[in-house]
Amino acid sequence: MQYLAHRLRSELGRHERVTVQETSGPCSGIVTFLVDGVAPAEVVTAAAKAGINMNASSAPWARLDLDARGVSDVARVAPHVYNTDDELDRLLTVVDAL
C-alpha cells in the first residue's frame, strides 16, 4: 500500500499542472492533489469513466486539514493492497488528459 501511494505521489509530482497536497512529516496511504484549472469533482468524474474509484474531499469534511493547506477541496485517492501499478497508470493517464 505505501509503495503505491509513494509511487503515485512521485508520478503526480512530475506533472506541471498538479500539486500534491501533503503536509510535512510521515505520509499516509492517502494521496491528495489538485490539478490546475480542474475542479476535484471533475477529476473524480474523469477517473470514474476510466474505472478508477476515488473521491473529492471538501472543507466541511476535512476542515482542519484543508484550512491548514489553504485549499477548499482536493482530489483524494487511497491506493490499497488490492490495487495495481496498472490502475495507477490508468489514473495518471486520466490526469494527463485533463
N, C-alpha and C. Protein backbone atom coordinates (compact mmCIF):
# COMPACT_ATOMS: atom_id res chain seq x y z
N MET A 1 0.83 -1.19 0.00
CA MET A 1 0.00 0.00 0.00
C MET A 1 0.87 1.26 0.00
N GLN A 2 1.86 1.33 0.89
CA GLN A 2 2.71 2.51 0.94
C GLN A 2 3.50 2.68 -0.36
N TYR A 3 3.91 1.56 -0.95
CA TYR A 3 4.63 1.63 -2.23
C TYR A 3 3.77 2.33 -3.28
N LEU A 4 2.52 1.93 -3.39
CA LEU A 4 1.64 2.52 -4.40
C LEU A 4 1.39 4.00 -4.12
N ALA A 5 1.17 4.35 -2.86
CA ALA A 5 0.94 5.76 -2.51
C ALA A 5 2.19 6.58 -2.81
N HIS A 6 3.35 6.06 -2.46
CA HIS A 6 4.60 6.76 -2.73
C HIS A 6 4.81 6.94 -4.24
N ARG A 7 4.56 5.88 -4.99
CA ARG A 7 4.72 5.96 -6.45
C ARG A 7 3.76 6.99 -7.04
N LEU A 8 2.50 6.99 -6.58
CA LEU A 8 1.52 7.93 -7.09
C LEU A 8 1.93 9.36 -6.77
N ARG A 9 2.36 9.63 -5.53
CA ARG A 9 2.82 10.98 -5.18
C ARG A 9 3.97 11.41 -6.09
N SER A 10 4.90 10.51 -6.29
CA SER A 10 6.07 10.82 -7.12
C SER A 10 5.67 11.14 -8.55
N GLU A 11 4.84 10.29 -9.14
CA GLU A 11 4.42 10.48 -10.54
C GLU A 11 3.57 11.75 -10.69
N LEU A 12 2.65 11.98 -9.77
CA LEU A 12 1.82 13.19 -9.85
C LEU A 12 2.69 14.43 -9.68
N GLY A 13 3.69 14.35 -8.83
CA GLY A 13 4.57 15.48 -8.59
C GLY A 13 5.38 15.90 -9.80
N ARG A 14 5.47 15.05 -10.79
CA ARG A 14 6.20 15.37 -12.02
C ARG A 14 5.37 16.17 -13.01
N HIS A 15 4.08 16.24 -12.79
CA HIS A 15 3.18 16.99 -13.68
C HIS A 15 3.25 18.48 -13.36
N GLU A 16 3.40 19.30 -14.39
CA GLU A 16 3.44 20.75 -14.21
C GLU A 16 2.17 21.30 -13.58
N ARG A 17 1.03 20.74 -13.95
CA ARG A 17 -0.25 21.29 -13.51
C ARG A 17 -0.80 20.64 -12.25
N VAL A 18 -0.05 19.73 -11.65
CA VAL A 18 -0.53 19.01 -10.47
C VAL A 18 0.25 19.45 -9.24
N THR A 19 -0.49 19.71 -8.17
CA THR A 19 0.11 19.99 -6.87
C THR A 19 -0.33 18.90 -5.91
N VAL A 20 0.63 18.12 -5.44
CA VAL A 20 0.33 17.10 -4.44
C VAL A 20 0.19 17.83 -3.12
N GLN A 21 -0.91 17.60 -2.44
CA GLN A 21 -1.24 18.30 -1.21
C GLN A 21 -0.85 17.46 0.00
N GLU A 22 0.41 17.53 0.37
CA GLU A 22 0.88 16.76 1.51
C GLU A 22 1.49 17.71 2.54
N THR A 23 1.31 17.38 3.78
CA THR A 23 1.93 18.14 4.84
C THR A 23 3.31 17.54 5.12
N SER A 24 4.10 18.25 5.89
CA SER A 24 5.40 17.69 6.24
C SER A 24 5.20 16.54 7.22
N GLY A 25 6.17 15.69 7.29
CA GLY A 25 6.07 14.55 8.19
C GLY A 25 5.73 13.28 7.45
N PRO A 26 5.48 12.22 8.19
CA PRO A 26 5.18 10.93 7.56
C PRO A 26 3.91 11.01 6.70
N CYS A 27 3.93 10.34 5.57
CA CYS A 27 2.78 10.31 4.68
C CYS A 27 1.96 9.04 4.93
N SER A 28 0.68 9.17 4.75
CA SER A 28 -0.21 8.01 4.88
C SER A 28 -0.39 7.35 3.52
N GLY A 29 -1.30 6.42 3.44
CA GLY A 29 -1.63 5.77 2.19
C GLY A 29 -2.61 6.58 1.36
N ILE A 30 -3.04 7.73 1.87
CA ILE A 30 -3.98 8.59 1.15
C ILE A 30 -3.20 9.67 0.42
N VAL A 31 -3.49 9.84 -0.86
CA VAL A 31 -2.82 10.84 -1.69
C VAL A 31 -3.85 11.89 -2.09
N THR A 32 -3.58 13.15 -1.76
CA THR A 32 -4.47 14.23 -2.15
C THR A 32 -3.73 15.16 -3.10
N PHE A 33 -4.46 15.68 -4.08
CA PHE A 33 -3.81 16.53 -5.07
C PHE A 33 -4.82 17.45 -5.74
N LEU A 34 -4.28 18.46 -6.41
CA LEU A 34 -5.07 19.40 -7.21
C LEU A 34 -4.47 19.45 -8.61
N VAL A 35 -5.35 19.61 -9.60
CA VAL A 35 -4.93 19.82 -10.97
C VAL A 35 -5.32 21.25 -11.32
N ASP A 36 -4.34 22.07 -11.71
CA ASP A 36 -4.62 23.48 -12.04
C ASP A 36 -5.76 23.60 -13.05
N GLY A 37 -6.74 24.41 -12.72
CA GLY A 37 -7.83 24.69 -13.63
C GLY A 37 -8.90 23.60 -13.71
N VAL A 38 -8.80 22.57 -12.89
CA VAL A 38 -9.76 21.46 -12.92
C VAL A 38 -10.27 21.22 -11.51
N ALA A 39 -11.57 21.30 -11.34
CA ALA A 39 -12.16 21.06 -10.03
C ALA A 39 -11.94 19.60 -9.61
N PRO A 40 -11.68 19.35 -8.34
CA PRO A 40 -11.51 17.97 -7.89
C PRO A 40 -12.67 17.06 -8.29
N ALA A 41 -13.89 17.56 -8.28
CA ALA A 41 -15.03 16.74 -8.69
C ALA A 41 -14.91 16.31 -10.15
N GLU A 42 -14.33 17.16 -10.99
CA GLU A 42 -14.12 16.81 -12.39
C GLU A 42 -13.06 15.71 -12.53
N VAL A 43 -12.04 15.76 -11.69
CA VAL A 43 -11.01 14.71 -11.68
C VAL A 43 -11.66 13.38 -11.32
N VAL A 44 -12.52 13.41 -10.30
CA VAL A 44 -13.22 12.19 -9.85
C VAL A 44 -14.08 11.63 -10.96
N THR A 45 -14.82 12.49 -11.66
CA THR A 45 -15.69 12.04 -12.75
C THR A 45 -14.87 11.42 -13.88
N ALA A 46 -13.77 12.07 -14.25
CA ALA A 46 -12.93 11.53 -15.33
C ALA A 46 -12.31 10.20 -14.91
N ALA A 47 -11.89 10.09 -13.67
CA ALA A 47 -11.31 8.84 -13.19
C ALA A 47 -12.36 7.72 -13.19
N ALA A 48 -13.58 8.04 -12.80
CA ALA A 48 -14.65 7.03 -12.77
C ALA A 48 -14.90 6.47 -14.16
N LYS A 49 -14.83 7.33 -15.18
CA LYS A 49 -15.02 6.87 -16.55
C LYS A 49 -13.93 5.89 -16.97
N ALA A 50 -12.77 5.97 -16.31
CA ALA A 50 -11.66 5.05 -16.60
C ALA A 50 -11.65 3.87 -15.64
N GLY A 51 -12.69 3.75 -14.82
CA GLY A 51 -12.79 2.63 -13.89
C GLY A 51 -11.98 2.80 -12.61
N ILE A 52 -11.61 4.04 -12.29
CA ILE A 52 -10.84 4.32 -11.08
C ILE A 52 -11.78 4.93 -10.05
N ASN A 53 -11.80 4.33 -8.87
CA ASN A 53 -12.65 4.80 -7.79
C ASN A 53 -11.84 5.72 -6.87
N MET A 54 -12.26 6.96 -6.76
CA MET A 54 -11.62 7.93 -5.88
C MET A 54 -12.67 8.94 -5.48
N ASN A 55 -12.32 9.93 -4.70
CA ASN A 55 -13.31 10.94 -4.33
C ASN A 55 -12.66 12.30 -4.18
N ALA A 56 -13.50 13.27 -3.89
CA ALA A 56 -13.03 14.62 -3.59
C ALA A 56 -13.40 14.90 -2.14
N SER A 57 -12.48 15.48 -1.42
CA SER A 57 -12.75 15.90 -0.05
C SER A 57 -12.88 17.41 -0.05
N SER A 58 -13.88 17.90 0.67
CA SER A 58 -14.07 19.35 0.75
C SER A 58 -13.97 19.79 2.21
N ALA A 59 -13.82 21.09 2.40
CA ALA A 59 -13.57 21.65 3.72
C ALA A 59 -14.57 21.22 4.79
N PRO A 60 -15.87 21.11 4.49
CA PRO A 60 -16.78 20.68 5.57
C PRO A 60 -16.42 19.31 6.15
N TRP A 61 -15.76 18.47 5.37
CA TRP A 61 -15.42 17.12 5.83
C TRP A 61 -13.97 17.00 6.29
N ALA A 62 -13.16 17.98 5.98
CA ALA A 62 -11.76 17.95 6.38
C ALA A 62 -11.29 19.36 6.73
N ARG A 63 -12.09 20.05 7.51
CA ARG A 63 -11.87 21.48 7.79
C ARG A 63 -10.46 21.76 8.31
N LEU A 64 -10.01 21.08 9.33
CA LEU A 64 -8.70 21.40 9.91
C LEU A 64 -7.58 21.16 8.92
N ASP A 65 -7.64 20.06 8.24
CA ASP A 65 -6.58 19.70 7.30
C ASP A 65 -6.55 20.65 6.10
N LEU A 66 -7.70 20.85 5.48
CA LEU A 66 -7.72 21.68 4.27
C LEU A 66 -7.51 23.16 4.59
N ASP A 67 -8.07 23.64 5.69
CA ASP A 67 -7.83 25.03 6.08
C ASP A 67 -6.33 25.27 6.29
N ALA A 68 -5.65 24.32 6.91
CA ALA A 68 -4.21 24.45 7.15
C ALA A 68 -3.43 24.52 5.84
N ARG A 69 -3.95 23.88 4.80
CA ARG A 69 -3.29 23.90 3.49
C ARG A 69 -3.71 25.09 2.64
N GLY A 70 -4.76 25.79 3.06
CA GLY A 70 -5.24 26.95 2.31
C GLY A 70 -6.03 26.58 1.07
N VAL A 71 -6.67 25.42 1.07
CA VAL A 71 -7.49 24.99 -0.06
C VAL A 71 -8.87 24.58 0.45
N SER A 72 -9.86 24.63 -0.45
CA SER A 72 -11.23 24.30 -0.04
C SER A 72 -11.62 22.87 -0.38
N ASP A 73 -10.95 22.27 -1.36
CA ASP A 73 -11.22 20.87 -1.70
C ASP A 73 -10.04 20.28 -2.46
N VAL A 74 -9.98 18.95 -2.44
CA VAL A 74 -8.86 18.24 -3.09
C VAL A 74 -9.39 16.94 -3.70
N ALA A 75 -8.69 16.45 -4.71
CA ALA A 75 -8.93 15.10 -5.22
C ALA A 75 -8.21 14.16 -4.26
N ARG A 76 -8.85 13.03 -3.98
CA ARG A 76 -8.31 12.12 -2.95
C ARG A 76 -8.33 10.68 -3.46
N VAL A 77 -7.18 10.03 -3.38
CA VAL A 77 -7.06 8.65 -3.82
C VAL A 77 -6.38 7.86 -2.69
N ALA A 78 -6.84 6.65 -2.46
CA ALA A 78 -6.29 5.83 -1.38
C ALA A 78 -5.90 4.45 -1.91
N PRO A 79 -4.73 4.34 -2.53
CA PRO A 79 -4.30 3.04 -3.03
C PRO A 79 -4.21 2.03 -1.87
N HIS A 80 -4.60 0.81 -2.15
CA HIS A 80 -4.60 -0.21 -1.12
C HIS A 80 -3.97 -1.49 -1.66
N VAL A 81 -3.90 -2.50 -0.82
CA VAL A 81 -3.20 -3.73 -1.19
C VAL A 81 -3.78 -4.41 -2.42
N TYR A 82 -5.05 -4.17 -2.71
CA TYR A 82 -5.68 -4.81 -3.86
C TYR A 82 -5.52 -4.01 -5.14
N ASN A 83 -4.89 -2.84 -5.08
CA ASN A 83 -4.65 -2.04 -6.28
C ASN A 83 -3.35 -2.46 -6.95
N THR A 84 -3.22 -2.09 -8.22
CA THR A 84 -2.06 -2.49 -9.01
C THR A 84 -1.38 -1.29 -9.64
N ASP A 85 -0.16 -1.49 -10.11
CA ASP A 85 0.54 -0.44 -10.85
C ASP A 85 -0.24 -0.06 -12.11
N ASP A 86 -0.88 -1.03 -12.75
CA ASP A 86 -1.67 -0.73 -13.96
C ASP A 86 -2.81 0.25 -13.65
N GLU A 87 -3.43 0.09 -12.50
CA GLU A 87 -4.50 1.02 -12.12
C GLU A 87 -3.95 2.43 -11.88
N LEU A 88 -2.78 2.51 -11.26
CA LEU A 88 -2.16 3.83 -11.09
C LEU A 88 -1.84 4.44 -12.44
N ASP A 89 -1.35 3.63 -13.37
CA ASP A 89 -1.06 4.13 -14.71
C ASP A 89 -2.32 4.67 -15.38
N ARG A 90 -3.46 3.99 -15.19
CA ARG A 90 -4.72 4.49 -15.75
C ARG A 90 -5.09 5.84 -15.16
N LEU A 91 -4.92 5.99 -13.84
CA LEU A 91 -5.22 7.27 -13.21
C LEU A 91 -4.28 8.35 -13.73
N LEU A 92 -3.01 8.05 -13.87
CA LEU A 92 -2.06 9.03 -14.38
C LEU A 92 -2.39 9.43 -15.81
N THR A 93 -2.88 8.50 -16.61
CA THR A 93 -3.31 8.81 -17.98
C THR A 93 -4.52 9.75 -17.94
N VAL A 94 -5.43 9.54 -17.03
CA VAL A 94 -6.59 10.43 -16.86
C VAL A 94 -6.11 11.84 -16.52
N VAL A 95 -5.21 11.94 -15.56
CA VAL A 95 -4.69 13.25 -15.16
C VAL A 95 -3.98 13.93 -16.32
N ASP A 96 -3.21 13.18 -17.10
CA ASP A 96 -2.55 13.73 -18.28
C ASP A 96 -3.54 14.35 -19.26
N ALA A 97 -4.71 13.72 -19.38
CA ALA A 97 -5.70 14.16 -20.37
C ALA A 97 -6.53 15.35 -19.91
N LEU A 98 -6.47 15.69 -18.64
CA LEU A 98 -7.29 16.80 -18.14
C LEU A 98 -6.74 18.15 -18.55
